[in-house]
Amino acid sequence: MTEPAVRPAPPKAIATPCVMVCAVDGESGLCLGCFRTLKEIAGWRALTDDERAAVMADLPSRRSQVDPSKL
């Protein structure tokens, strides 16, 4: 008797601060939607859960780096 095939678990969803407002502020270099840098956005999938959590914890303080008239 053959054993049933084992199905791999579906991929785990990656937490992201993306709000689908993708515009980078030239002065600060931060996205006006999520306040990540282009490097962080491009490499987001490669970061570990802990690295993503550290970036996400820092995002609220980054808002002050952007001219409020741009938000």
PDB file of N, CA and C in Angstrom:
ATOM      1  N   MET A   1       0.847  -1.175   0.000  1.00  0.00           N
ATOM      2  CA  MET A   1       0.000   0.000   0.000  1.00  0.00           C
ATOM      3  C   MET A   1       0.894   1.241   0.000  1.00  0.00           C
ATOM      4  N   THR A   2       0.621   2.200  -0.870  1.00  0.00           N
ATOM      5  CA  THR A   2       1.417   3.423  -0.924  1.00  0.00           C
ATOM      6  C   THR A   2       0.830   4.468   0.015  1.00  0.00           C
ATOM      7  N   GLU A   3       1.755   5.269   0.544  1.00  0.00           N
ATOM      8  CA  GLU A   3       1.325   6.333   1.448  1.00  0.00           C
ATOM      9  C   GLU A   3       0.892   7.539   0.630  1.00  0.00           C
ATOM     10  N   PRO A   4      -0.072   8.296   1.156  1.00  0.00           N
ATOM     11  CA  PRO A   4      -0.503   9.487   0.426  1.00  0.00           C
ATOM     12  C   PRO A   4       0.632  10.506   0.361  1.00  0.00           C
ATOM     13  N   ALA A   5       0.639  11.266  -0.721  1.00  0.00           N
ATOM     14  CA  ALA A   5       1.674  12.290  -0.892  1.00  0.00           C
ATOM     15  C   ALA A   5       1.498  13.373   0.176  1.00  0.00           C
ATOM     16  N   VAL A   6       2.629  13.825   0.692  1.00  0.00           N
ATOM     17  CA  VAL A   6       2.598  14.889   1.689  1.00  0.00           C
ATOM     18  C   VAL A   6       2.667  16.217   0.953  1.00  0.00           C
ATOM     19  N   ARG A   7       1.699  17.051   1.195  1.00  0.00           N
ATOM     20  CA  ARG A   7       1.671  18.362   0.558  1.00  0.00           C
ATOM     21  C   ARG A   7       2.453  19.351   1.413  1.00  0.00           C
ATOM     22  N   PRO A   8       3.291  20.156   0.770  1.00  0.00           N
ATOM     23  CA  PRO A   8       4.012  21.163   1.538  1.00  0.00           C
ATOM     24  C   PRO A   8       3.038  22.223   2.054  1.00  0.00           C
ATOM     25  N   ALA A   9       3.385  22.801   3.170  1.00  0.00           N
ATOM     26  CA  ALA A   9       2.551  23.867   3.731  1.00  0.00           C
ATOM     27  C   ALA A   9       2.569  25.062   2.783  1.00  0.00           C
ATOM     28  N   PRO A  10       1.459  25.780   2.715  1.00  0.00           N
ATOM     29  CA  PRO A  10       1.457  26.975   1.850  1.00  0.00           C
ATOM     30  C   PRO A  10       2.437  28.003   2.401  1.00  0.00           C
ATOM     31  N   PRO A  11       2.977  28.852   1.538  1.00  0.00           N
ATOM     32  CA  PRO A  11       3.930  29.846   2.015  1.00  0.00           C
ATOM     33  C   PRO A  11       3.277  30.784   3.028  1.00  0.00           C
ATOM     34  N   LYS A  12       4.061  31.164   4.006  1.00  0.00           N
ATOM     35  CA  LYS A  12       3.581  32.074   5.042  1.00  0.00           C
ATOM     36  C   LYS A  12       3.521  33.490   4.470  1.00  0.00           C
ATOM     37  N   ALA A  13       2.465  34.192   4.788  1.00  0.00           N
ATOM     38  CA  ALA A  13       2.330  35.577   4.333  1.00  0.00           C
ATOM     39  C   ALA A  13       3.407  36.434   4.985  1.00  0.00           C
ATOM     40  N   ILE A  14       3.942  37.364   4.222  1.00  0.00           N
ATOM     41  CA  ILE A  14       4.974  38.263   4.727  1.00  0.00           C
ATOM     42  C   ILE A  14       4.309  39.563   5.158  1.00  0.00           C
ATOM     43  N   ALA A  15       4.531  39.952   6.408  1.00  0.00           N
ATOM     44  CA  ALA A  15       3.988  41.216   6.903  1.00  0.00           C
ATOM     45  C   ALA A  15       4.649  42.362   6.154  1.00  0.00           C
ATOM     46  N   THR A  16       3.867  43.355   5.783  1.00  0.00           N
ATOM     47  CA  THR A  16       4.390  44.502   5.058  1.00  0.00           C
ATOM     48  C   THR A  16       3.635  45.766   5.459  1.00  0.00           C
ATOM     49  N   PRO A  17       4.324  46.887   5.522  1.00  0.00           N
ATOM     50  CA  PRO A  17       3.651  48.143   5.832  1.00  0.00           C
ATOM     51  C   PRO A  17       3.101  48.844   4.585  1.00  0.00           C
ATOM     52  N   CYS A  18       3.221  48.221   3.434  1.00  0.00           N
ATOM     53  CA  CYS A  18       2.802  48.838   2.175  1.00  0.00           C
ATOM     54  C   CYS A  18       1.323  49.206   2.227  1.00  0.00           C
ATOM     55  N   VAL A  19       1.033  50.453   1.802  1.00  0.00           N
ATOM     56  CA  VAL A  19      -0.350  50.926   1.739  1.00  0.00           C
ATOM     57  C   VAL A  19      -0.729  51.289   0.300  1.00  0.00           C
ATOM     58  N   MET A  20       0.074  50.823  -0.653  1.00  0.00           N
ATOM     59  CA  MET A  20      -0.161  51.020  -2.081  1.00  0.00           C
ATOM     60  C   MET A  20      -0.116  52.489  -2.496  1.00  0.00           C
ATOM     61  N   VAL A  21       0.634  53.288  -1.776  1.00  0.00           N
ATOM     62  CA  VAL A  21       0.906  54.677  -2.140  1.00  0.00           C
ATOM     63  C   VAL A  21       2.404  54.719  -2.394  1.00  0.00           C
ATOM     64  N   CYS A  22       2.796  54.458  -3.616  1.00  0.00           N
ATOM     65  CA  CYS A  22       4.209  54.286  -3.947  1.00  0.00           C
ATOM     66  C   CYS A  22       4.768  55.537  -4.615  1.00  0.00           C
ATOM     67  N   ALA A  23       5.261  56.437  -3.792  1.00  0.00           N
ATOM     68  CA  ALA A  23       5.890  57.665  -4.278  1.00  0.00           C
ATOM     69  C   ALA A  23       7.041  57.968  -3.333  1.00  0.00           C
ATOM     70  N   VAL A  24       8.227  58.125  -3.876  1.00  0.00           N
ATOM     71  CA  VAL A  24       9.401  58.354  -3.038  1.00  0.00           C
ATOM     72  C   VAL A  24       9.710  59.838  -2.967  1.00  0.00           C
ATOM     73  N   ASP A  25       9.896  60.320  -1.755  1.00  0.00           N
ATOM     74  CA  ASP A  25      10.264  61.708  -1.499  1.00  0.00           C
ATOM     75  C   ASP A  25      11.742  61.879  -1.820  1.00  0.00           C
ATOM     76  N   GLY A  26      12.049  62.804  -2.722  1.00  0.00           N
ATOM     77  CA  GLY A  26      13.430  63.024  -3.136  1.00  0.00           C
ATOM     78  C   GLY A  26      14.340  63.503  -2.022  1.00  0.00           C
ATOM     79  N   GLU A  27      13.818  64.306  -1.099  1.00  0.00           N
ATOM     80  CA  GLU A  27      14.638  64.833  -0.012  1.00  0.00           C
ATOM     81  C   GLU A  27      15.019  63.773   1.011  1.00  0.00           C
ATOM     82  N   SER A  28      14.041  63.033   1.493  1.00  0.00           N
ATOM     83  CA  SER A  28      14.307  62.051   2.553  1.00  0.00           C
ATOM     84  C   SER A  28      14.683  60.680   2.009  1.00  0.00           C
ATOM     85  N   GLY A  29      14.274  60.385   0.766  1.00  0.00           N
ATOM     86  CA  GLY A  29      14.506  59.061   0.205  1.00  0.00           C
ATOM     87  C   GLY A  29      13.531  58.017   0.719  1.00  0.00           C
ATOM     88  N   LEU A  30      12.454  58.470   1.355  1.00  0.00           N
ATOM     89  CA  LEU A  30      11.468  57.554   1.930  1.00  0.00           C
ATOM     90  C   LEU A  30      10.203  57.521   1.084  1.00  0.00           C
ATOM     91  N   CYS A  31       9.562  56.360   1.061  1.00  0.00           N
ATOM     92  CA  CYS A  31       8.269  56.227   0.401  1.00  0.00           C
ATOM     93  C   CYS A  31       7.260  57.045   1.200  1.00  0.00           C
ATOM     94  N   LEU A  32       6.428  57.827   0.510  1.00  0.00           N
ATOM     95  CA  LEU A  32       5.431  58.655   1.180  1.00  0.00           C
ATOM     96  C   LEU A  32       4.258  57.839   1.721  1.00  0.00           C
ATOM     97  N   GLY A  33       4.160  56.590   1.320  1.00  0.00           N
ATOM     98  CA  GLY A  33       3.086  55.728   1.826  1.00  0.00           C
ATOM     99  C   GLY A  33       3.490  54.936   3.050  1.00  0.00           C
ATOM    100  N   CYS A  34       4.671  54.309   2.995  1.00  0.00           N
ATOM    101  CA  CYS A  34       5.059  53.406   4.089  1.00  0.00           C
ATOM    102  C   CYS A  34       6.314  53.844   4.836  1.00  0.00           C
ATOM    103  N   PHE A  35       7.015  54.854   4.315  1.00  0.00           N
ATOM    104  CA  PHE A  35       8.221  55.407   4.938  1.00  0.00           C
ATOM    105  C   PHE A  35       9.424  54.470   4.925  1.00  0.00           C
ATOM    106  N   ARG A  36       9.404  53.486   4.002  1.00  0.00           N
ATOM    107  CA  ARG A  36      10.600  52.652   3.813  1.00  0.00           C
ATOM    108  C   ARG A  36      11.470  53.269   2.730  1.00  0.00           C
ATOM    109  N   THR A  37      12.753  52.901   2.730  1.00  0.00           N
ATOM    110  CA  THR A  37      13.653  53.316   1.664  1.00  0.00           C
ATOM    111  C   THR A  37      13.447  52.395   0.468  1.00  0.00           C
ATOM    112  N   LEU A  38      13.932  52.821  -0.695  1.00  0.00           N
ATOM    113  CA  LEU A  38      13.840  51.957  -1.878  1.00  0.00           C
ATOM    114  C   LEU A  38      14.579  50.643  -1.660  1.00  0.00           C
ATOM    115  N   LYS A  39      15.719  50.703  -0.984  1.00  0.00           N
ATOM    116  CA  LYS A  39      16.488  49.485  -0.704  1.00  0.00           C
ATOM    117  C   LYS A  39      15.677  48.531   0.173  1.00  0.00           C
ATOM    118  N   GLU A  40      15.001  49.063   1.179  1.00  0.00           N
ATOM    119  CA  GLU A  40      14.178  48.209   2.050  1.00  0.00           C
ATOM    120  C   GLU A  40      13.005  47.616   1.277  1.00  0.00           C
ATOM    121  N   ILE A  41      12.378  48.419   0.433  1.00  0.00           N
ATOM    122  CA  ILE A  41      11.243  47.923  -0.355  1.00  0.00           C
ATOM    123  C   ILE A  41      11.699  46.808  -1.295  1.00  0.00           C
ATOM    124  N   ALA A  42      12.796  47.044  -2.000  1.00  0.00           N
ATOM    125  CA  ALA A  42      13.295  46.062  -2.972  1.00  0.00           C
ATOM    126  C   ALA A  42      13.736  44.766  -2.301  1.00  0.00           C
ATOM    127  N   GLY A  43      14.299  44.849  -1.109  1.00  0.00           N
ATOM    128  CA  GLY A  43      14.815  43.658  -0.443  1.00  0.00           C
ATOM    129  C   GLY A  43      13.903  43.088   0.621  1.00  0.00           C
ATOM    130  N   TRP A  44      12.662  43.569   0.693  1.00  0.00           N
ATOM    131  CA  TRP A  44      11.747  43.188   1.768  1.00  0.00           C
ATOM    132  C   TRP A  44      11.580  41.679   1.902  1.00  0.00           C
ATOM    133  N   ARG A  45      11.416  40.992   0.810  1.00  0.00           N
ATOM    134  CA  ARG A  45      11.199  39.529   0.863  1.00  0.00           C
ATOM    135  C   ARG A  45      12.413  38.781   1.381  1.00  0.00           C
ATOM    136  N   ALA A  46      13.600  39.352   1.205  1.00  0.00           N
ATOM    137  CA  ALA A  46      14.823  38.673   1.624  1.00  0.00           C
ATOM    138  C   ALA A  46      15.132  38.890   3.109  1.00  0.00           C
ATOM    139  N   LEU A  47      14.458  39.854   3.739  1.00  0.00           N
ATOM    140  CA  LEU A  47      14.713  40.114   5.153  1.00  0.00           C
ATOM    141  C   LEU A  47      14.100  39.017   6.016  1.00  0.00           C
ATOM    142  N   THR A  48      14.699  38.796   7.164  1.00  0.00           N
ATOM    143  CA  THR A  48      14.123  37.835   8.114  1.00  0.00           C
ATOM    144  C   THR A  48      12.923  38.484   8.792  1.00  0.00           C
ATOM    145  N   ASP A  49      12.117  37.692   9.474  1.00  0.00           N
ATOM    146  CA  ASP A  49      10.975  38.237  10.208  1.00  0.00           C
ATOM    147  C   ASP A  49      11.437  39.283  11.220  1.00  0.00           C
ATOM    148  N   ASP A  50      12.542  39.015  11.899  1.00  0.00           N
ATOM    149  CA  ASP A  50      13.062  39.955  12.896  1.00  0.00           C
ATOM    150  C   ASP A  50      13.535  41.255  12.247  1.00  0.00           C
ATOM    151  N   GLU A  51      14.176  41.159  11.090  1.00  0.00           N
ATOM    152  CA  GLU A  51      14.634  42.366  10.390  1.00  0.00           C
ATOM    153  C   GLU A  51      13.442  43.204   9.924  1.00  0.00           C
ATOM    154  N   ARG A  52      12.416  42.536   9.397  1.00  0.00           N
ATOM    155  CA  ARG A  52      11.213  43.267   8.974  1.00  0.00           C
ATOM    156  C   ARG A  52      10.545  43.918  10.180  1.00  0.00           C
ATOM    157  N   ALA A  53      10.486  43.222  11.301  1.00  0.00           N
ATOM    158  CA  ALA A  53       9.863  43.780  12.511  1.00  0.00           C
ATOM    159  C   ALA A  53      10.631  45.008  12.991  1.00  0.00           C
ATOM    160  N   ALA A  54      11.951  44.977  12.892  1.00  0.00           N
ATOM    161  CA  ALA A  54      12.767  46.121  13.323  1.00  0.00           C
ATOM    162  C   ALA A  54      12.507  47.330  12.438  1.00  0.00           C
ATOM    163  N   VAL A  55      12.414  47.112  11.126  1.00  0.00           N
ATOM    164  CA  VAL A  55      12.119  48.218  10.210  1.00  0.00           C
ATOM    165  C   VAL A  55      10.731  48.764  10.522  1.00  0.00           C
ATOM    166  N   MET A  56       9.763  47.883  10.683  1.00  0.00           N
ATOM    167  CA  MET A  56       8.396  48.317  10.935  1.00  0.00           C
ATOM    168  C   MET A  56       8.285  49.109  12.242  1.00  0.00           C
ATOM    169  N   ALA A  57       9.064  48.728  13.240  1.00  0.00           N
ATOM    170  CA  ALA A  57       9.048  49.454  14.515  1.00  0.00           C
ATOM    171  C   ALA A  57       9.604  50.861  14.360  1.00  0.00           C
ATOM    172  N   ASP A  58      10.492  51.047  13.396  1.00  0.00           N
ATOM    173  CA  ASP A  58      11.134  52.347  13.171  1.00  0.00           C
ATOM    174  C   ASP A  58      10.303  53.285  12.289  1.00  0.00           C
ATOM    175  N   LEU A  59       9.347  52.750  11.560  1.00  0.00           N
ATOM    176  CA  LEU A  59       8.601  53.537  10.575  1.00  0.00           C
ATOM    177  C   LEU A  59       7.867  54.745  11.159  1.00  0.00           C
ATOM    178  N   PRO A  60       7.191  54.638  12.295  1.00  0.00           N
ATOM    179  CA  PRO A  60       6.490  55.825  12.815  1.00  0.00           C
ATOM    180  C   PRO A  60       7.416  57.027  13.042  1.00  0.00           C
ATOM    181  N   SER A  61       8.632  56.782  13.485  1.00  0.00           N
ATOM    182  CA  SER A  61       9.557  57.901  13.730  1.00  0.00           C
ATOM    183  C   SER A  61      10.074  58.507  12.424  1.00  0.00           C
ATOM    184  N   ARG A  62      10.024  57.762  11.337  1.00  0.00           N
ATOM    185  CA  ARG A  62      10.512  58.265  10.051  1.00  0.00           C
ATOM    186  C   ARG A  62       9.581  59.314   9.444  1.00  0.00           C
ATOM    187  N   ARG A  63       8.339  59.289   9.839  1.00  0.00           N
ATOM    188  CA  ARG A  63       7.362  60.234   9.291  1.00  0.00           C
ATOM    189  C   ARG A  63       7.843  61.674   9.463  1.00  0.00           C
ATOM    190  N   SER A  64       8.551  61.958  10.563  1.00  0.00           N
ATOM    191  CA  SER A  64       9.022  63.316  10.842  1.00  0.00           C
ATOM    192  C   SER A  64      10.146  63.758   9.879  1.00  0.00           C
ATOM    193  N   GLN A  65      10.699  62.801   9.111  1.00  0.00           N
ATOM    194  CA  GLN A  65      11.745  63.119   8.148  1.00  0.00           C
ATOM    195  C   GLN A  65      11.183  63.645   6.830  1.00  0.00           C
ATOM    196  N   VAL A  66       9.860  63.581   6.689  1.00  0.00           N
ATOM    197  CA  VAL A  66       9.212  64.005   5.454  1.00  0.00           C
ATOM    198  C   VAL A  66       8.464  65.307   5.716  1.00  0.00           C
ATOM    199  N   ASP A  67       8.618  66.248   4.794  1.00  0.00           N
ATOM    200  CA  ASP A  67       7.908  67.521   4.876  1.00  0.00           C
ATOM    201  C   ASP A  67       6.405  67.242   4.939  1.00  0.00           C
ATOM    202  N   PRO A  68       5.734  67.698   6.006  1.00  0.00           N
ATOM    203  CA  PRO A  68       4.296  67.405   6.166  1.00  0.00           C
ATOM    204  C   PRO A  68       3.443  67.851   4.979  1.00  0.00           C
ATOM    205  N   SER A  69       3.864  68.850   4.235  1.00  0.00           N
ATOM    206  CA  SER A  69       3.068  69.303   3.093  1.00  0.00           C
ATOM    207  C   SER A  69       3.044  68.266   1.972  1.00  0.00           C
ATOM    208  N   LYS A  70       3.937  67.272   2.021  1.00  0.00           N
ATOM    209  CA  LYS A  70       3.967  66.218   0.994  1.00  0.00           C
ATOM    210  C   LYS A  70       3.074  65.035   1.338  1.00  0.00           C
ATOM    211  N   LEU A  71       2.586  65.009   2.570  1.00  0.00           N
ATOM    212  CA  LEU A  71       1.771  63.864   3.018  1.00  0.00           C
ATOM    213  C   LEU A  71       0.305  64.093   2.810  1.00  0.00           C
TER     214      LEU A  71
END
